[in-house]
Amino acid sequence: MYEAAREIGLRVPRDLSVVGFDDAEYARWAGPPLTTVRQPLAEMGATAARLVLALGRGERPLHPRTELPTTLVVRDSTAPPPRVP
């Protein structure tokens, strides 16, 4: 994404804010460091394992959907929009 923006003359974050997902290790080393959404991967795995084991015992899930909290990790790839005079 950064390279595509540079190729058309956009500057991150001055002209374009960029947000990634998963908070991969490289996000903090990107230039500029990438703002990301961090997912609770260990909790996701544990929840999925419990669900699979329950289904294996013939149990039905209590809820058709499970939501887990995410965290916005703000770094230098985002900025407020420029002020319009």
Protein backbone atom coordinates (compact mmCIF):
# COMPACT_ATOMS: atom_id res chain seq x y z
CA MET A 1 0.00 0.00 0.00
CA TYR A 2 2.76 2.44 0.90
CA GLU A 3 4.56 1.91 -2.39
CA ALA A 4 1.36 2.35 -4.41
CA ALA A 5 0.70 5.62 -2.60
CA ARG A 6 4.26 6.82 -3.25
CA GLU A 7 4.01 5.93 -6.93
CA ILE A 8 1.10 8.34 -7.38
CA GLY A 9 2.63 11.06 -5.23
CA LEU A 10 0.72 10.54 -1.98
CA ARG A 11 2.47 10.81 1.36
CA VAL A 12 1.53 8.59 4.29
CA PRO A 13 0.04 9.90 6.57
CA ARG A 14 -0.05 13.49 5.31
CA ASP A 15 -2.20 12.70 2.26
CA LEU A 16 -3.42 9.18 3.07
CA SER A 17 -3.93 7.32 6.35
CA VAL A 18 -3.25 3.58 6.26
CA VAL A 19 -4.46 1.00 8.79
CA GLY A 20 -3.54 -2.69 8.78
CA PHE A 21 -5.00 -5.68 10.56
CA ASP A 22 -3.49 -8.33 12.85
CA ASP A 23 -0.64 -6.18 14.25
CA ALA A 24 1.97 -8.32 12.50
CA GLU A 25 5.55 -7.86 13.73
CA TYR A 26 6.59 -5.95 10.61
CA ALA A 27 3.96 -3.25 11.28
CA ARG A 28 6.17 -1.45 13.78
CA TRP A 29 9.12 -1.53 11.34
CA ALA A 30 7.28 -0.21 8.28
CA GLY A 31 8.09 3.32 7.17
CA PRO A 32 6.13 4.96 8.71
CA PRO A 33 5.16 2.45 11.44
CA LEU A 34 1.75 1.03 10.56
CA THR A 35 -1.35 1.65 12.66
CA THR A 36 -3.08 -1.71 13.09
CA VAL A 37 -5.98 -3.52 14.70
CA ARG A 38 -4.69 -6.15 17.13
CA GLN A 39 -6.77 -9.29 17.49
CA PRO A 40 -6.67 -11.50 20.61
CA LEU A 41 -5.21 -14.50 18.76
CA ALA A 42 -4.70 -16.72 21.82
CA GLU A 43 -8.24 -16.06 23.02
CA MET A 44 -9.57 -16.71 19.50
CA GLY A 45 -7.81 -20.07 19.40
CA ALA A 46 -9.00 -21.06 22.87
CA THR A 47 -12.58 -20.07 22.04
CA ALA A 48 -12.49 -22.04 18.79
CA ALA A 49 -11.06 -25.09 20.57
CA ARG A 50 -13.80 -24.98 23.23
CA LEU A 51 -16.43 -24.71 20.50
CA VAL A 52 -15.03 -27.65 18.54
CA LEU A 53 -14.84 -29.82 21.67
CA ALA A 54 -18.40 -28.91 22.64
CA LEU A 55 -19.65 -29.71 19.14
CA GLY A 56 -17.78 -33.02 19.32
CA ARG A 57 -19.74 -33.86 22.48
CA GLY A 58 -22.96 -33.10 20.63
CA GLU A 59 -23.59 -29.83 22.43
CA ARG A 60 -25.10 -26.85 20.68
CA PRO A 61 -23.45 -23.44 21.02
CA LEU A 62 -25.18 -21.07 23.44
CA HIS A 63 -24.73 -18.20 20.98
CA PRO A 64 -24.54 -18.31 17.18
CA ARG A 65 -21.75 -15.75 17.23
CA THR A 66 -18.85 -14.90 19.54
CA GLU A 67 -17.32 -11.43 19.59
CA LEU A 68 -13.90 -10.83 21.09
CA PRO A 69 -12.42 -7.41 21.76
CA THR A 70 -9.85 -5.90 19.43
CA THR A 71 -7.40 -3.09 20.11
CA LEU A 72 -6.43 -0.21 17.86
CA VAL A 73 -2.64 0.22 17.95
CA VAL A 74 -2.02 3.76 16.76
CA ARG A 75 1.34 4.36 15.13
CA ASP A 76 2.55 6.89 12.56
CA SER A 77 0.59 5.83 9.46
CA THR A 78 -2.55 7.73 10.39
CA ALA A 79 -3.31 11.41 10.89
CA PRO A 80 -6.36 13.65 11.13
CA PRO A 81 -7.61 15.01 7.81
CA PRO A 82 -6.16 18.36 6.76
CA ARG A 83 -8.13 21.44 7.67
CA VAL A 84 -10.05 23.02 4.82
CA PRO A 85 -9.72 26.81 4.78
